[in-house]
């Protein structure tokens, strides 16, 4: 891409969200989607198609498509123009059989396999996850040291592994999320997205996202000065967040979140789903390759942002403990 982008309809910038389904229920996310619909924003929501009979320590409160009300909620979102994406078969690690069964369930319900996938937490079927996400030797070594998982833990891309499903991904999934950043304008960090990586060939195209783990980080990212800069720079943004993490209280969207989304909607933006934005960005490309210099810079930026994110989260947890 050369020069400032001119988005569909002559809009000045592009903004969307990929909402991971962790701890999501109809009760704690539906008000957010009703607000987005009222503001004429269409975003992307990941779902889990299958229950997790073995239980889940961190995600047991989550609803899946096995819950009738949540299933109808997700189907209704699709009818209203939102995009449904994959977050794996369920909230804990799935071997090949369950992963593929989950995709078949999604196709049965929504009429096609999802075009977008996001790896989930520590699921062993994650593709090119953990230290396999990066190539820079120092970044890779640091991640291996502090991640707390063995080098061969994530096996979705390893043929012959019980968790292997990379062949299916390459055939049926268009876009997979990789690195996330504390930057609202992804055009400054990864202007070549979506990109193909020959060293990770089972994914057709990777994309980056702006990281906002919960409501606090989302509200910080969407500060008025940040959004004004995104518009002034004619940038694009995909926020990776969890609408189930504190966005709704007593049936109402957090007031700060609501005000910020309303301000965003009043601006001259294009608000597509994730795959719509990525399809359009690919049309602007001369090539799908990622320049080596850009990839090196992304890895170091990701490592830096990950360090500061963990530090901020630790400080916030300590404040909560002191208040309780």
C-alpha atoms as a PDB file:
ATOM      1  CA  UNK A   1       0.000   0.000   0.000  1.00  0.00           C
ATOM      2  CA  UNK A   2       1.304   3.413  -0.916  1.00  0.00           C
ATOM      3  CA  UNK A   3       0.030   6.721   0.433  1.00  0.00           C
ATOM      4  CA  UNK A   4      -2.960   7.388   2.716  1.00  0.00           C
ATOM      5  CA  UNK A   5      -5.771   4.885   2.492  1.00  0.00           C
ATOM      6  CA  UNK A   6      -9.156   5.945   1.185  1.00  0.00           C
ATOM      7  CA  UNK A   7     -11.713   3.618   2.698  1.00  0.00           C
ATOM      8  CA  UNK A   8     -15.035   2.569   1.158  1.00  0.00           C
ATOM      9  CA  UNK A   9     -17.455   5.466   0.911  1.00  0.00           C
ATOM     10  CA  UNK A  10     -14.530   7.882   1.174  1.00  0.00           C
ATOM     11  CA  UNK A  11     -14.283   7.308   4.925  1.00  0.00           C
ATOM     12  CA  UNK A  12     -11.238   8.504   6.841  1.00  0.00           C
ATOM     13  CA  UNK A  13     -10.457   5.431   8.961  1.00  0.00           C
ATOM     14  CA  UNK A  14     -11.600   1.871   9.677  1.00  0.00           C
ATOM     15  CA  UNK A  15     -12.487   0.368  13.033  1.00  0.00           C
ATOM     16  CA  UNK A  16     -13.782  -3.013  14.163  1.00  0.00           C
ATOM     17  CA  UNK A  17     -13.588  -5.466  17.069  1.00  0.00           C
ATOM     18  CA  UNK A  18     -12.923  -9.182  17.487  1.00  0.00           C
ATOM     19  CA  UNK A  19     -14.623 -10.164  20.741  1.00  0.00           C
ATOM     20  CA  UNK A  20     -13.256 -13.391  22.219  1.00  0.00           C
ATOM     21  CA  UNK A  21     -15.937 -15.482  23.882  1.00  0.00           C
ATOM     22  CA  UNK A  22     -14.076 -16.100  27.175  1.00  0.00           C
ATOM     23  CA  UNK A  23     -16.518 -15.815  30.135  1.00  0.00           C
ATOM     24  CA  UNK A  24     -19.224 -14.476  27.800  1.00  0.00           C
ATOM     25  CA  UNK A  25     -22.909 -15.063  28.469  1.00  0.00           C
ATOM     26  CA  UNK A  26     -25.994 -13.580  26.859  1.00  0.00           C
ATOM     27  CA  UNK A  27     -26.503 -11.480  29.968  1.00  0.00           C
ATOM     28  CA  UNK A  28     -23.026  -9.957  30.076  1.00  0.00           C
ATOM     29  CA  UNK A  29     -22.482  -9.213  26.358  1.00  0.00           C
ATOM     30  CA  UNK A  30     -25.854  -8.694  24.668  1.00  0.00           C
ATOM     31  CA  UNK A  31     -26.188  -5.028  25.748  1.00  0.00           C
ATOM     32  CA  UNK A  32     -22.846  -4.251  24.076  1.00  0.00           C
ATOM     33  CA  UNK A  33     -24.061  -5.700  20.774  1.00  0.00           C
ATOM     34  CA  UNK A  34     -27.337  -3.824  20.955  1.00  0.00           C
ATOM     35  CA  UNK A  35     -25.321  -0.622  21.407  1.00  0.00           C
ATOM     36  CA  UNK A  36     -23.049  -1.464  18.482  1.00  0.00           C
ATOM     37  CA  UNK A  37     -26.064  -2.169  16.287  1.00  0.00           C
ATOM     38  CA  UNK A  38     -27.676   1.130  17.269  1.00  0.00           C
ATOM     39  CA  UNK A  39     -24.436   2.896  16.307  1.00  0.00           C
ATOM     40  CA  UNK A  40     -24.370   1.044  12.951  1.00  0.00           C
ATOM     41  CA  UNK A  41     -21.154  -0.777  13.826  1.00  0.00           C
ATOM     42  CA  UNK A  42     -20.769  -4.398  12.748  1.00  0.00           C
ATOM     43  CA  UNK A  43     -18.048  -6.369  14.487  1.00  0.00           C
ATOM     44  CA  UNK A  44     -16.874  -9.977  14.873  1.00  0.00           C
ATOM     45  CA  UNK A  45     -17.662 -12.309  17.755  1.00  0.00           C
ATOM     46  CA  UNK A  46     -15.901 -15.611  18.409  1.00  0.00           C
ATOM     47  CA  UNK A  47     -17.907 -18.500  19.845  1.00  0.00           C
ATOM     48  CA  UNK A  48     -17.357 -21.959  21.281  1.00  0.00           C
ATOM     49  CA  UNK A  49     -19.602 -24.461  19.530  1.00  0.00           C
ATOM     50  CA  UNK A  50     -19.198 -27.284  22.068  1.00  0.00           C
ATOM     51  CA  UNK A  51     -19.455 -27.688  25.825  1.00  0.00           C
ATOM     52  CA  UNK A  52     -16.447 -28.731  27.892  1.00  0.00           C
ATOM     53  CA  UNK A  53     -17.458 -31.837  29.874  1.00  0.00           C
ATOM     54  CA  UNK A  54     -14.063 -32.122  31.571  1.00  0.00           C
ATOM     55  CA  UNK A  55     -14.618 -28.724  33.192  1.00  0.00           C
ATOM     56  CA  UNK A  56     -12.597 -25.520  33.070  1.00  0.00           C
ATOM     57  CA  UNK A  57     -11.054 -23.721  36.025  1.00  0.00           C
ATOM     58  CA  UNK A  58     -10.930 -20.285  34.392  1.00  0.00           C
ATOM     59  CA  UNK A  59     -13.777 -20.347  31.871  1.00  0.00           C
ATOM     60  CA  UNK A  60     -16.535 -22.479  33.392  1.00  0.00           C
ATOM     61  CA  UNK A  61     -18.904 -19.490  33.548  1.00  0.00           C
ATOM     62  CA  UNK A  62     -18.792 -19.128  29.750  1.00  0.00           C
ATOM     63  CA  UNK A  63     -21.807 -20.062  27.659  1.00  0.00           C
ATOM     64  CA  UNK A  64     -21.371 -22.070  24.464  1.00  0.00           C
ATOM     65  CA  UNK A  65     -23.567 -22.841  21.471  1.00  0.00           C
ATOM     66  CA  UNK A  66     -24.832 -25.856  23.387  1.00  0.00           C
ATOM     67  CA  UNK A  67     -26.761 -23.355  25.528  1.00  0.00           C
ATOM     68  CA  UNK A  68     -30.033 -22.671  23.647  1.00  0.00           C
ATOM     69  CA  UNK A  69     -30.288 -18.991  24.587  1.00  0.00           C
ATOM     70  CA  UNK A  70     -26.664 -18.302  23.669  1.00  0.00           C
ATOM     71  CA  UNK A  71     -27.042 -20.218  20.408  1.00  0.00           C
ATOM     72  CA  UNK A  72     -30.080 -18.149  19.440  1.00  0.00           C
ATOM     73  CA  UNK A  73     -28.228 -14.979  20.438  1.00  0.00           C
ATOM     74  CA  UNK A  74     -25.303 -15.851  18.132  1.00  0.00           C
ATOM     75  CA  UNK A  75     -27.611 -16.789  15.259  1.00  0.00           C
ATOM     76  CA  UNK A  76     -29.478 -13.514  15.698  1.00  0.00           C
ATOM     77  CA  UNK A  77     -26.191 -11.588  15.626  1.00  0.00           C
ATOM     78  CA  UNK A  78     -25.392 -13.145  12.265  1.00  0.00           C
ATOM     79  CA  UNK A  79     -28.837 -12.201  10.956  1.00  0.00           C
ATOM     80  CA  UNK A  80     -28.181  -8.624  12.067  1.00  0.00           C
ATOM     81  CA  UNK A  81     -24.931  -8.418  10.097  1.00  0.00           C
ATOM     82  CA  UNK A  82     -22.343  -9.311  12.717  1.00  0.00           C
ATOM     83  CA  UNK A  83     -19.696 -11.931  11.959  1.00  0.00           C
ATOM     84  CA  UNK A  84     -19.305 -15.192  13.888  1.00  0.00           C
ATOM     85  CA  UNK A  85     -15.733 -16.496  14.197  1.00  0.00           C
ATOM     86  CA  UNK A  86     -13.900 -19.470  15.718  1.00  0.00           C
ATOM     87  CA  UNK A  87     -12.146 -19.587  19.078  1.00  0.00           C
ATOM     88  CA  UNK A  88     -11.603 -23.319  18.900  1.00  0.00           C
ATOM     89  CA  UNK A  89     -14.064 -26.089  19.722  1.00  0.00           C
ATOM     90  CA  UNK A  90     -14.365 -25.238  23.405  1.00  0.00           C
ATOM     91  CA  UNK A  91     -12.660 -23.547  26.343  1.00  0.00           C
ATOM     92  CA  UNK A  92     -10.009 -26.219  27.018  1.00  0.00           C
ATOM     93  CA  UNK A  93      -7.638 -28.191  24.790  1.00  0.00           C
ATOM     94  CA  UNK A  94      -9.282 -30.249  22.051  1.00  0.00           C
ATOM     95  CA  UNK A  95      -7.809 -33.113  20.087  1.00  0.00           C
ATOM     96  CA  UNK A  96      -8.355 -33.267  16.345  1.00  0.00           C
ATOM     97  CA  UNK A  97     -11.697 -35.078  16.532  1.00  0.00           C
ATOM     98  CA  UNK A  98     -13.291 -32.452  18.784  1.00  0.00           C
ATOM     99  CA  UNK A  99     -11.777 -29.533  16.890  1.00  0.00           C
ATOM    100  CA  UNK A 100     -13.196 -30.749  13.575  1.00  0.00           C
ATOM    101  CA  UNK A 101     -16.529 -31.605  15.194  1.00  0.00           C
ATOM    102  CA  UNK A 102     -16.681 -28.024  16.438  1.00  0.00           C
ATOM    103  CA  UNK A 103     -16.111 -26.638  12.957  1.00  0.00           C
ATOM    104  CA  UNK A 104     -18.779 -28.938  11.522  1.00  0.00           C
ATOM    105  CA  UNK A 105     -21.196 -27.662  14.153  1.00  0.00           C
ATOM    106  CA  UNK A 106     -20.435 -24.067  13.190  1.00  0.00           C
ATOM    107  CA  UNK A 107     -21.006 -24.831   9.519  1.00  0.00           C
ATOM    108  CA  UNK A 108     -24.303 -26.559  10.298  1.00  0.00           C
ATOM    109  CA  UNK A 109     -25.562 -23.623  12.351  1.00  0.00           C
ATOM    110  CA  UNK A 110     -24.249 -20.646  10.367  1.00  0.00           C
ATOM    111  CA  UNK A 111     -24.206 -22.029   6.840  1.00  0.00           C
ATOM    112  CA  UNK A 112     -20.435 -22.061   6.314  1.00  0.00           C
ATOM    113  CA  UNK A 113     -17.154 -22.527   8.148  1.00  0.00           C
ATOM    114  CA  UNK A 114     -15.997 -19.328   9.884  1.00  0.00           C
ATOM    115  CA  UNK A 115     -13.487 -17.281   7.905  1.00  0.00           C
ATOM    116  CA  UNK A 116     -11.723 -15.951  11.015  1.00  0.00           C
ATOM    117  CA  UNK A 117     -10.046 -17.880  13.838  1.00  0.00           C
ATOM    118  CA  UNK A 118      -8.362 -16.729  17.041  1.00  0.00           C
ATOM    119  CA  UNK A 119      -6.293 -19.106  19.173  1.00  0.00           C
ATOM    120  CA  UNK A 120      -7.446 -19.373  22.782  1.00  0.00           C
ATOM    121  CA  UNK A 121      -5.242 -19.009  25.863  1.00  0.00           C
ATOM    122  CA  UNK A 122      -3.322 -22.238  26.583  1.00  0.00           C
ATOM    123  CA  UNK A 123      -5.269 -24.622  24.353  1.00  0.00           C
ATOM    124  CA  UNK A 124      -2.813 -27.179  23.008  1.00  0.00           C
ATOM    125  CA  UNK A 125      -4.415 -27.209  19.547  1.00  0.00           C
ATOM    126  CA  UNK A 126      -3.415 -23.564  19.027  1.00  0.00           C
ATOM    127  CA  UNK A 127      -1.618 -23.040  15.717  1.00  0.00           C
ATOM    128  CA  UNK A 128       1.957 -21.698  15.772  1.00  0.00           C
ATOM    129  CA  UNK A 129       1.443 -20.488  19.322  1.00  0.00           C
ATOM    130  CA  UNK A 130       3.724 -19.750  22.237  1.00  0.00           C
ATOM    131  CA  UNK A 131       7.318 -19.213  21.141  1.00  0.00           C
ATOM    132  CA  UNK A 132       6.381 -20.497  17.676  1.00  0.00           C
ATOM    133  CA  UNK A 133       4.684 -17.147  17.087  1.00  0.00           C
ATOM    134  CA  UNK A 134       8.002 -15.357  16.648  1.00  0.00           C
ATOM    135  CA  UNK A 135      11.413 -15.803  14.987  1.00  0.00           C
ATOM    136  CA  UNK A 136      13.701 -13.224  16.595  1.00  0.00           C
ATOM    137  CA  UNK A 137      16.088 -15.285  18.707  1.00  0.00           C
ATOM    138  CA  UNK A 138      16.124 -13.021  21.759  1.00  0.00           C
ATOM    139  CA  UNK A 139      12.341 -12.513  21.746  1.00  0.00           C
ATOM    140  CA  UNK A 140      11.828 -16.230  21.248  1.00  0.00           C
ATOM    141  CA  UNK A 141      14.180 -17.136  24.085  1.00  0.00           C
ATOM    142  CA  UNK A 142      12.606 -14.644  26.490  1.00  0.00           C
ATOM    143  CA  UNK A 143       9.131 -15.906  25.689  1.00  0.00           C
ATOM    144  CA  UNK A 144      10.175 -19.516  26.234  1.00  0.00           C
ATOM    145  CA  UNK A 145      11.675 -18.590  29.605  1.00  0.00           C
ATOM    146  CA  UNK A 146       8.705 -16.669  30.988  1.00  0.00           C
ATOM    147  CA  UNK A 147       5.742 -18.322  29.266  1.00  0.00           C
ATOM    148  CA  UNK A 148       5.768 -21.358  31.548  1.00  0.00           C
ATOM    149  CA  UNK A 149       4.947 -23.897  28.832  1.00  0.00           C
ATOM    150  CA  UNK A 150       7.332 -26.438  27.259  1.00  0.00           C
ATOM    151  CA  UNK A 151       8.537 -25.835  23.723  1.00  0.00           C
ATOM    152  CA  UNK A 152       6.375 -28.617  22.280  1.00  0.00           C
ATOM    153  CA  UNK A 153       3.173 -27.673  24.126  1.00  0.00           C
ATOM    154  CA  UNK A 154       1.205 -26.131  21.228  1.00  0.00           C
ATOM    155  CA  UNK A 155       0.697 -28.720  18.513  1.00  0.00           C
ATOM    156  CA  UNK A 156      -2.146 -27.694  16.226  1.00  0.00           C
ATOM    157  CA  UNK A 157       0.302 -27.231  13.357  1.00  0.00           C
ATOM    158  CA  UNK A 158       2.302 -30.416  14.006  1.00  0.00           C
ATOM    159  CA  UNK A 159       1.208 -33.227  11.695  1.00  0.00           C
ATOM    160  CA  UNK A 160       0.791 -36.519  13.510  1.00  0.00           C
ATOM    161  CA  UNK A 161       0.065 -34.851  16.845  1.00  0.00           C
ATOM    162  CA  UNK A 162      -3.260 -35.675  18.553  1.00  0.00           C
ATOM    163  CA  UNK A 163      -3.981 -31.921  18.376  1.00  0.00           C
ATOM    164  CA  UNK A 164      -3.162 -31.532  14.651  1.00  0.00           C
ATOM    165  CA  UNK A 165      -5.701 -29.634  12.552  1.00  0.00           C
ATOM    166  CA  UNK A 166      -3.482 -27.357  10.465  1.00  0.00           C
ATOM    167  CA  UNK A 167      -4.521 -29.063   7.235  1.00  0.00           C
ATOM    168  CA  UNK A 168      -8.167 -28.199   7.901  1.00  0.00           C
ATOM    169  CA  UNK A 169      -7.261 -24.611   8.758  1.00  0.00           C
ATOM    170  CA  UNK A 170      -5.357 -24.174   5.521  1.00  0.00           C
ATOM    171  CA  UNK A 171      -8.335 -25.404   3.519  1.00  0.00           C
ATOM    172  CA  UNK A 172     -11.201 -23.638   5.264  1.00  0.00           C
ATOM    173  CA  UNK A 173     -10.059 -20.644   7.352  1.00  0.00           C
ATOM    174  CA  UNK A 174      -8.991 -17.409   5.688  1.00  0.00           C
ATOM    175  CA  UNK A 175      -7.608 -15.335   8.566  1.00  0.00           C
ATOM    176  CA  UNK A 176      -5.924 -16.150  11.898  1.00  0.00           C
ATOM    177  CA  UNK A 177      -4.958 -13.619  14.548  1.00  0.00           C
ATOM    178  CA  UNK A 178      -1.344 -13.471  15.694  1.00  0.00           C
ATOM    179  CA  UNK A 179       0.440 -10.587  17.449  1.00  0.00           C
ATOM    180  CA  UNK A 180      -1.403  -7.901  19.407  1.00  0.00           C
ATOM    181  CA  UNK A 181      -0.208  -4.416  20.313  1.00  0.00           C
ATOM    182  CA  UNK A 182      -0.980  -1.465  22.544  1.00  0.00           C
ATOM    183  CA  UNK A 183      -1.505   0.744  19.486  1.00  0.00           C
ATOM    184  CA  UNK A 184      -4.833   1.868  18.077  1.00  0.00           C
ATOM    185  CA  UNK A 185      -3.542   2.478  14.538  1.00  0.00           C
ATOM    186  CA  UNK A 186      -2.327  -0.874  13.242  1.00  0.00           C
ATOM    187  CA  UNK A 187      -1.222   0.753   9.992  1.00  0.00           C
ATOM    188  CA  UNK A 188       1.728   2.115  12.002  1.00  0.00           C
ATOM    189  CA  UNK A 189       2.745  -1.341  13.257  1.00  0.00           C
ATOM    190  CA  UNK A 190       1.685  -3.834  10.588  1.00  0.00           C
ATOM    191  CA  UNK A 191       0.758  -1.948   7.393  1.00  0.00           C
ATOM    192  CA  UNK A 192       1.134  -5.147   5.342  1.00  0.00           C
ATOM    193  CA  UNK A 193      -1.623  -7.050   7.150  1.00  0.00           C
ATOM    194  CA  UNK A 194      -3.139  -9.429   6.352  1.00  0.00           C
ATOM    195  CA  UNK A 195       0.017 -11.265   5.355  1.00  0.00           C
ATOM    196  CA  UNK A 196       1.167 -14.756   4.430  1.00  0.00           C
ATOM    197  CA  UNK A 197       4.159 -16.218   6.248  1.00  0.00           C
ATOM    198  CA  UNK A 198       5.923 -19.024   4.310  1.00  0.00           C
ATOM    199  CA  UNK A 199       7.490 -20.283   7.538  1.00  0.00           C
ATOM    200  CA  UNK A 200       3.961 -20.828   8.950  1.00  0.00           C
ATOM    201  CA  UNK A 201       2.286 -22.109   5.800  1.00  0.00           C
ATOM    202  CA  UNK A 202      -0.827 -23.729   7.263  1.00  0.00           C
ATOM    203  CA  UNK A 203      -2.359 -20.286   7.837  1.00  0.00           C
ATOM    204  CA  UNK A 204      -3.379 -18.513   4.652  1.00  0.00           C
ATOM    205  CA  UNK A 205      -3.243 -14.985   6.075  1.00  0.00           C
ATOM    206  CA  UNK A 206      -2.342 -13.628   9.488  1.00  0.00           C
ATOM    207  CA  UNK A 207      -3.617 -10.405  10.998  1.00  0.00           C
ATOM    208  CA  UNK A 208      -2.627  -8.278  13.968  1.00  0.00           C
ATOM    209  CA  UNK A 209      -4.870  -6.590  16.524  1.00  0.00           C
ATOM    210  CA  UNK A 210      -4.886  -3.834  19.107  1.00  0.00           C
ATOM    211  CA  UNK A 211      -4.861  -5.502  22.512  1.00  0.00           C
ATOM    212  CA  UNK A 212      -7.536  -4.603  25.078  1.00  0.00           C
ATOM    213  CA  UNK A 213      -8.017  -7.518  27.466  1.00  0.00           C
ATOM    214  CA  UNK A 214     -11.009  -6.106  29.350  1.00  0.00           C
ATOM    215  CA  UNK A 215     -13.178  -3.042  29.832  1.00  0.00           C
ATOM    216  CA  UNK A 216     -10.418  -1.051  31.540  1.00  0.00           C
ATOM    217  CA  UNK A 217      -7.944  -1.579  28.697  1.00  0.00           C
ATOM    218  CA  UNK A 218     -10.640  -1.055  26.041  1.00  0.00           C
ATOM    219  CA  UNK A 219     -11.613   2.289  27.551  1.00  0.00           C
ATOM    220  CA  UNK A 220      -7.970   3.313  27.756  1.00  0.00           C
ATOM    221  CA  UNK A 221      -7.378   2.404  24.111  1.00  0.00           C
ATOM    222  CA  UNK A 222     -10.457   4.336  22.950  1.00  0.00           C
ATOM    223  CA  UNK A 223      -9.531   7.563  24.687  1.00  0.00           C
ATOM    224  CA  UNK A 224     -10.635  10.572  22.663  1.00  0.00           C
ATOM    225  CA  UNK A 225      -7.066  11.585  21.793  1.00  0.00           C
ATOM    226  CA  UNK A 226      -6.301   8.063  20.514  1.00  0.00           C
ATOM    227  CA  UNK A 227      -9.427   7.934  18.366  1.00  0.00           C
ATOM    228  CA  UNK A 228      -8.740  11.424  17.007  1.00  0.00           C
ATOM    229  CA  UNK A 229      -5.249  10.284  16.044  1.00  0.00           C
ATOM    230  CA  UNK A 230      -6.592   7.160  14.332  1.00  0.00           C
ATOM    231  CA  UNK A 231      -8.845   9.387  12.243  1.00  0.00           C
ATOM    232  CA  UNK A 232      -6.160  11.986  11.504  1.00  0.00           C
ATOM    233  CA  UNK A 233      -3.685   9.278  10.431  1.00  0.00           C
ATOM    234  CA  UNK A 234      -6.292   7.566   8.231  1.00  0.00           C
ATOM    235  CA  UNK A 235      -5.491   4.340  10.018  1.00  0.00           C
ATOM    236  CA  UNK A 236      -7.249   1.058  10.660  1.00  0.00           C
ATOM    237  CA  UNK A 237      -7.910  -0.800  13.888  1.00  0.00           C
ATOM    238  CA  UNK A 238      -9.066  -4.271  14.936  1.00  0.00           C
ATOM    239  CA  UNK A 239      -9.466  -4.378  18.717  1.00  0.00           C
ATOM    240  CA  UNK A 240      -9.023  -7.792  20.352  1.00  0.00           C
ATOM    241  CA  UNK A 241     -11.054  -7.762  23.555  1.00  0.00           C
ATOM    242  CA  UNK A 242     -13.507  -9.711  25.739  1.00  0.00           C
ATOM    243  CA  UNK A 243     -16.911  -8.060  26.053  1.00  0.00           C
ATOM    244  CA  UNK A 244     -17.652 -10.534  28.848  1.00  0.00           C
ATOM    245  CA  UNK A 245     -15.009  -8.923  31.074  1.00  0.00           C
ATOM    246  CA  UNK A 246     -16.720  -6.061  32.854  1.00  0.00           C
ATOM    247  CA  UNK A 247     -18.357  -4.172  29.990  1.00  0.00           C
ATOM    248  CA  UNK A 248     -21.903  -4.670  31.325  1.00  0.00           C
ATOM    249  CA  UNK A 249     -23.137  -3.944  34.853  1.00  0.00           C
ATOM    250  CA  UNK A 250     -26.746  -4.433  35.916  1.00  0.00           C
ATOM    251  CA  UNK A 251     -27.773  -4.859  32.296  1.00  0.00           C
ATOM    252  CA  UNK A 252     -26.184  -1.581  31.150  1.00  0.00           C
ATOM    253  CA  UNK A 253     -23.040  -0.913  29.144  1.00  0.00           C
ATOM    254  CA  UNK A 254     -20.333   0.803  31.151  1.00  0.00           C
ATOM    255  CA  UNK A 255     -20.955   4.574  30.789  1.00  0.00           C
ATOM    256  CA  UNK A 256     -17.389   5.344  29.684  1.00  0.00           C
ATOM    257  CA  UNK A 257     -17.481   2.582  27.071  1.00  0.00           C
ATOM    258  CA  UNK A 258     -20.841   3.836  25.799  1.00  0.00           C
ATOM    259  CA  UNK A 259     -19.645   7.447  25.504  1.00  0.00           C
ATOM    260  CA  UNK A 260     -16.474   6.431  23.714  1.00  0.00           C
ATOM    261  CA  UNK A 261     -18.289   4.233  21.203  1.00  0.00           C
ATOM    262  CA  UNK A 262     -20.808   7.010  20.571  1.00  0.00           C
ATOM    263  CA  UNK A 263     -17.960   9.464  19.956  1.00  0.00           C
ATOM    264  CA  UNK A 264     -16.316   6.962  17.613  1.00  0.00           C
ATOM    265  CA  UNK A 265     -19.559   6.468  15.675  1.00  0.00           C
ATOM    266  CA  UNK A 266     -19.957  10.222  15.115  1.00  0.00           C
ATOM    267  CA  UNK A 267     -16.614  10.355  13.340  1.00  0.00           C
ATOM    268  CA  UNK A 268     -15.973   9.716   9.649  1.00  0.00           C
ATOM    269  CA  UNK A 269     -15.260   6.020  10.041  1.00  0.00           C
ATOM    270  CA  UNK A 270     -15.946   2.761   8.241  1.00  0.00           C
ATOM    271  CA  UNK A 271     -17.141   0.055  10.645  1.00  0.00           C
ATOM    272  CA  UNK A 272     -16.952  -3.369   8.931  1.00  0.00           C
ATOM    273  CA  UNK A 273     -16.558  -6.864  10.332  1.00  0.00           C
ATOM    274  CA  UNK A 274     -13.041  -8.243  10.678  1.00  0.00           C
ATOM    275  CA  UNK A 275     -13.120 -10.344   7.500  1.00  0.00           C
ATOM    276  CA  UNK A 276     -14.648  -7.458   5.513  1.00  0.00           C
ATOM    277  CA  UNK A 277     -11.809  -5.182   6.576  1.00  0.00           C
ATOM    278  CA  UNK A 278      -9.136  -7.814   5.887  1.00  0.00           C
ATOM    279  CA  UNK A 279     -10.609  -8.644   2.473  1.00  0.00           C
ATOM    280  CA  UNK A 280     -10.515  -4.961   1.581  1.00  0.00           C
ATOM    281  CA  UNK A 281      -6.948  -4.519   2.836  1.00  0.00           C
ATOM    282  CA  UNK A 282      -5.821  -7.478   0.735  1.00  0.00           C
ATOM    283  CA  UNK A 283      -7.309  -5.818  -2.335  1.00  0.00           C
ATOM    284  CA  UNK A 284      -4.984  -2.859  -1.715  1.00  0.00           C
ATOM    285  CA  UNK A 285      -1.892  -5.090  -1.595  1.00  0.00           C
ATOM    286  CA  UNK A 286       0.637  -5.540  -4.353  1.00  0.00           C
ATOM    287  CA  UNK A 287       1.832  -8.708  -2.570  1.00  0.00           C
ATOM    288  CA  UNK A 288       0.747 -10.824   0.416  1.00  0.00           C
ATOM    289  CA  UNK A 289       4.304 -11.101   1.723  1.00  0.00           C
ATOM    290  CA  UNK A 290       5.493  -9.406   4.911  1.00  0.00           C
ATOM    291  CA  UNK A 291       8.690  -7.333   4.575  1.00  0.00           C
ATOM    292  CA  UNK A 292      11.423  -8.739   6.878  1.00  0.00           C
ATOM    293  CA  UNK A 293      12.072  -5.347   8.455  1.00  0.00           C
ATOM    294  CA  UNK A 294       8.394  -4.920   9.316  1.00  0.00           C
ATOM    295  CA  UNK A 295       8.257  -8.418  10.831  1.00  0.00           C
ATOM    296  CA  UNK A 296      11.360  -7.803  12.981  1.00  0.00           C
ATOM    297  CA  UNK A 297       9.917  -4.530  14.255  1.00  0.00           C
ATOM    298  CA  UNK A 298       6.561  -6.172  15.022  1.00  0.00           C
ATOM    299  CA  UNK A 299       8.171  -8.879  17.149  1.00  0.00           C
ATOM    300  CA  UNK A 300      10.123  -6.437  19.293  1.00  0.00           C
ATOM    301  CA  UNK A 301       7.092  -4.145  19.638  1.00  0.00           C
ATOM    302  CA  UNK A 302       4.934  -7.122  20.657  1.00  0.00           C
ATOM    303  CA  UNK A 303       7.438  -8.213  23.309  1.00  0.00           C
ATOM    304  CA  UNK A 304       7.626  -4.692  24.731  1.00  0.00           C
ATOM    305  CA  UNK A 305       3.845  -4.258  24.786  1.00  0.00           C
ATOM    306  CA  UNK A 306       3.363  -7.689  26.356  1.00  0.00           C
ATOM    307  CA  UNK A 307       5.772  -6.811  29.172  1.00  0.00           C
ATOM    308  CA  UNK A 308       3.992  -3.536  29.965  1.00  0.00           C
ATOM    309  CA  UNK A 309       0.583  -5.190  29.749  1.00  0.00           C
ATOM    310  CA  UNK A 310       1.559  -7.829  32.314  1.00  0.00           C
ATOM    311  CA  UNK A 311       2.984  -5.124  34.571  1.00  0.00           C
ATOM    312  CA  UNK A 312      -0.211  -3.026  34.365  1.00  0.00           C
ATOM    313  CA  UNK A 313      -2.409  -6.038  35.055  1.00  0.00           C
ATOM    314  CA  UNK A 314      -0.330  -6.957  38.095  1.00  0.00           C
ATOM    315  CA  UNK A 315      -0.604  -3.420  39.490  1.00  0.00           C
ATOM    316  CA  UNK A 316      -4.363  -3.415  38.941  1.00  0.00           C
ATOM    317  CA  UNK A 317      -4.759  -6.741  40.732  1.00  0.00           C
ATOM    318  CA  UNK A 318      -2.802  -5.375  43.724  1.00  0.00           C
ATOM    319  CA  UNK A 319      -5.099  -2.323  43.877  1.00  0.00           C
ATOM    320  CA  UNK A 320      -8.164  -4.574  43.912  1.00  0.00           C
ATOM    321  CA  UNK A 321      -6.692  -6.666  46.714  1.00  0.00           C
ATOM    322  CA  UNK A 322      -5.986  -3.526  48.799  1.00  0.00           C
ATOM    323  CA  UNK A 323      -9.573  -2.290  48.267  1.00  0.00           C
ATOM    324  CA  UNK A 324     -11.164  -5.619  49.209  1.00  0.00           C
END
